[in-house]
Amino acid sequence: MPVSSAQESFGLWIGTLARLWRSEIDRRLAVYGLTQSRWLTLFHLSRMSGPVTQRELADAMGVQAPTLVRILDRLQAEGLVERSATDADRRSNSLRLSRKAAPVLQRIAATTSAIRGEIFAGIAESDIETCLRVFETLALRLGGPARPIRAARDRRSR
């Protein structure tokens, strides 16, 4: 089955938009000393329920568990993340955000909210919902979750 130019462009746009979006977040969070690896780790950890293992966090972020070690070491040294051995396997660490992480997460949320407000200005909510349905379908066809990280409003409704 031939691939249409629209389908090819769609794939290219997904990668381009992801890079542009993250770059803009990086640029704005840099003034707070937050690199992409640090803010993404805190963001993902904040979206996961309860304490999680390093492996679960790595899986959610799409990285290898050893990749997280230095990032978590630094976040722990700053008092933003707490680690403890899990009950089931003493070799495995359980992670949770500390109270000190709350203002950092507020900065991340405020920054990302401002960016979303700017880039989605003038785009109809129905267009965004259509795009999300397409993303969910593609994610499922690729073997991934339909929703990689639940939005805050989705978590509150449960």
Protein backbone atom coordinates (compact mmCIF):
# COMPACT_ATOMS: atom_id res chain seq x y z
CA MET A 1 0.00 0.00 0.00
CA PRO A 2 1.57 3.29 -1.08
CA VAL A 3 2.19 5.94 1.57
CA SER A 4 0.60 9.28 0.85
CA SER A 5 2.62 12.45 1.07
CA ALA A 6 0.25 13.59 3.83
CA GLN A 7 1.09 10.48 5.86
CA GLU A 8 4.80 10.99 5.30
CA SER A 9 4.55 14.66 6.26
CA PHE A 10 2.53 13.73 9.34
CA GLY A 11 5.34 11.52 10.63
CA LEU A 12 7.94 14.19 9.97
CA TRP A 13 5.81 16.84 11.69
CA ILE A 14 5.40 14.72 14.82
CA GLY A 15 9.16 14.53 15.31
CA THR A 16 9.69 18.19 14.46
CA LEU A 17 6.94 19.40 16.81
CA ALA A 18 8.18 17.24 19.68
CA ARG A 19 11.69 18.72 19.32
CA LEU A 20 10.43 22.30 18.98
CA TRP A 21 8.07 21.96 21.95
CA ARG A 22 10.74 20.48 24.23
CA SER A 23 13.28 23.07 23.09
CA GLU A 24 10.94 25.89 24.02
CA ILE A 25 10.24 24.34 27.42
CA ASP A 26 13.99 23.86 27.93
CA ARG A 27 14.70 27.47 27.02
CA ARG A 28 12.15 28.82 29.47
CA LEU A 29 13.01 26.45 32.32
CA ALA A 30 16.78 27.00 31.97
CA VAL A 31 16.47 30.17 34.08
CA TYR A 32 15.48 27.88 36.98
CA GLY A 33 18.42 25.54 36.40
CA LEU A 34 16.20 22.83 34.95
CA THR A 35 17.55 20.80 32.07
CA GLN A 36 15.33 18.62 29.90
CA SER A 37 16.43 15.46 31.69
CA ARG A 38 15.66 16.98 35.09
CA TRP A 39 12.28 18.55 34.31
CA LEU A 40 11.13 15.49 32.34
CA THR A 41 12.09 13.19 35.22
CA LEU A 42 10.21 15.34 37.74
CA PHE A 43 7.25 15.70 35.38
CA HIS A 44 6.93 11.96 34.76
CA LEU A 45 7.37 11.14 38.43
CA SER A 46 4.63 13.64 39.32
CA ARG A 47 2.22 11.95 36.89
CA MET A 48 2.77 8.45 38.26
CA SER A 49 0.67 7.32 41.22
CA GLY A 50 2.42 6.50 44.47
CA PRO A 51 6.01 5.40 44.86
CA VAL A 52 7.45 3.84 41.71
CA THR A 53 10.61 1.90 40.95
CA GLN A 54 13.41 3.31 38.85
CA ARG A 55 12.53 0.75 36.17
CA GLU A 56 8.88 1.90 36.08
CA LEU A 57 9.99 5.51 35.76
CA ALA A 58 12.50 4.62 33.03
CA ASP A 59 9.80 2.71 31.13
CA ALA A 60 7.40 5.67 31.39
CA MET A 61 10.10 8.01 30.10
CA GLY A 62 11.24 5.66 27.34
CA VAL A 63 14.84 5.46 28.60
CA GLN A 64 17.06 2.76 30.06
CA ALA A 65 17.07 2.51 33.88
CA PRO A 66 20.84 3.15 34.14
CA THR A 67 20.33 6.41 32.22
CA LEU A 68 18.31 7.75 35.14
CA VAL A 69 20.86 7.01 37.85
CA ARG A 70 22.87 10.25 37.62
CA ILE A 71 19.75 12.36 37.14
CA LEU A 72 18.13 10.79 40.20
CA ASP A 73 21.37 11.13 42.17
CA ARG A 74 21.35 14.88 41.53
CA LEU A 75 17.61 15.28 42.20
CA GLN A 76 18.02 13.33 45.43
CA ALA A 77 21.05 15.44 46.47
CA GLU A 78 18.91 18.55 45.94
CA GLY A 79 16.17 17.05 48.09
CA LEU A 80 13.63 16.86 45.26
CA VAL A 81 13.40 13.06 45.07
CA GLU A 82 13.46 10.45 47.83
CA ARG A 83 14.74 6.93 47.26
CA SER A 84 14.25 3.88 49.44
CA ALA A 85 14.71 0.15 48.96
CA THR A 86 11.51 -1.62 47.95
CA ASP A 87 10.05 -4.25 50.26
CA ALA A 88 9.81 -6.86 47.49
CA ASP A 89 13.40 -6.49 46.26
CA ARG A 90 16.05 -4.70 48.33
CA ARG A 91 18.11 -4.19 45.15
CA SER A 92 15.33 -2.09 43.65
CA ASN A 93 14.74 1.53 44.62
CA SER A 94 11.36 3.07 45.21
CA LEU A 95 11.07 6.72 44.20
CA ARG A 96 8.81 9.50 45.33
CA LEU A 97 8.84 13.25 45.08
CA SER A 98 9.72 15.17 48.23
CA ARG A 99 7.76 18.15 49.49
CA LYS A 100 10.63 20.32 48.30
CA ALA A 101 9.73 19.35 44.72
CA ALA A 102 6.32 21.07 44.89
CA PRO A 103 7.52 24.60 43.98
CA VAL A 104 9.70 23.21 41.18
CA LEU A 105 6.72 21.29 39.79
CA GLN A 106 4.65 24.49 40.01
CA ARG A 107 7.27 26.29 37.89
CA ILE A 108 7.22 23.47 35.36
CA ALA A 109 3.41 23.49 35.26
CA ALA A 110 3.21 27.28 34.92
CA THR A 111 5.80 27.31 32.16
CA THR A 112 4.25 24.49 30.17
CA SER A 113 0.77 25.98 30.64
CA ALA A 114 1.95 29.33 29.27
CA ILE A 115 3.53 27.64 26.26
CA ARG A 116 0.39 25.62 25.57
CA GLY A 117 -1.70 28.78 25.80
CA GLU A 118 0.50 30.50 23.25
CA ILE A 119 0.81 27.70 20.73
CA PHE A 120 -2.81 26.55 20.86
CA ALA A 121 -4.24 30.08 20.63
CA GLY A 122 -6.78 30.24 17.84
CA ILE A 123 -6.97 26.47 17.34
CA ALA A 124 -10.44 25.01 17.89
CA GLU A 125 -10.75 22.50 20.73
CA SER A 126 -12.49 20.13 18.31
CA ASP A 127 -9.39 20.17 16.07
CA ILE A 128 -7.18 19.31 19.03
CA GLU A 129 -9.54 16.48 20.04
CA THR A 130 -9.45 15.09 16.49
CA CYS A 131 -5.67 15.18 16.53
CA LEU A 132 -5.62 13.39 19.90
CA ARG A 133 -7.88 10.63 18.55
CA VAL A 134 -5.47 10.12 15.65
CA PHE A 135 -2.48 10.04 18.05
CA GLU A 136 -4.24 7.49 20.27
CA THR A 137 -5.03 5.26 17.28
CA LEU A 138 -1.45 5.43 16.01
CA ALA A 139 -0.02 4.74 19.48
CA LEU A 140 -2.20 1.65 19.85
CA ARG A 141 -1.22 0.39 16.40
CA LEU A 142 2.43 0.79 17.36
CA GLY A 143 1.91 -1.23 20.55
CA GLY A 144 2.06 1.71 22.93
CA PRO A 145 -0.45 3.08 25.39
CA ALA A 146 -3.24 5.25 24.06
CA ARG A 147 -2.38 7.80 26.74
CA PRO A 148 1.26 7.74 27.82
CA ILE A 149 0.76 10.07 30.78
CA ARG A 150 -2.60 10.94 32.23
CA ALA A 151 -3.31 14.62 32.34
CA ALA A 152 -3.91 16.13 35.77
CA ARG A 153 -7.63 16.49 35.04
CA ASP A 154 -7.85 12.79 34.07
CA ARG A 155 -6.24 11.77 37.38
CA ARG A 156 -8.60 13.94 39.42
CA SER A 157 -11.68 12.41 37.80
CA ARG A 158 -10.82 8.91 39.05
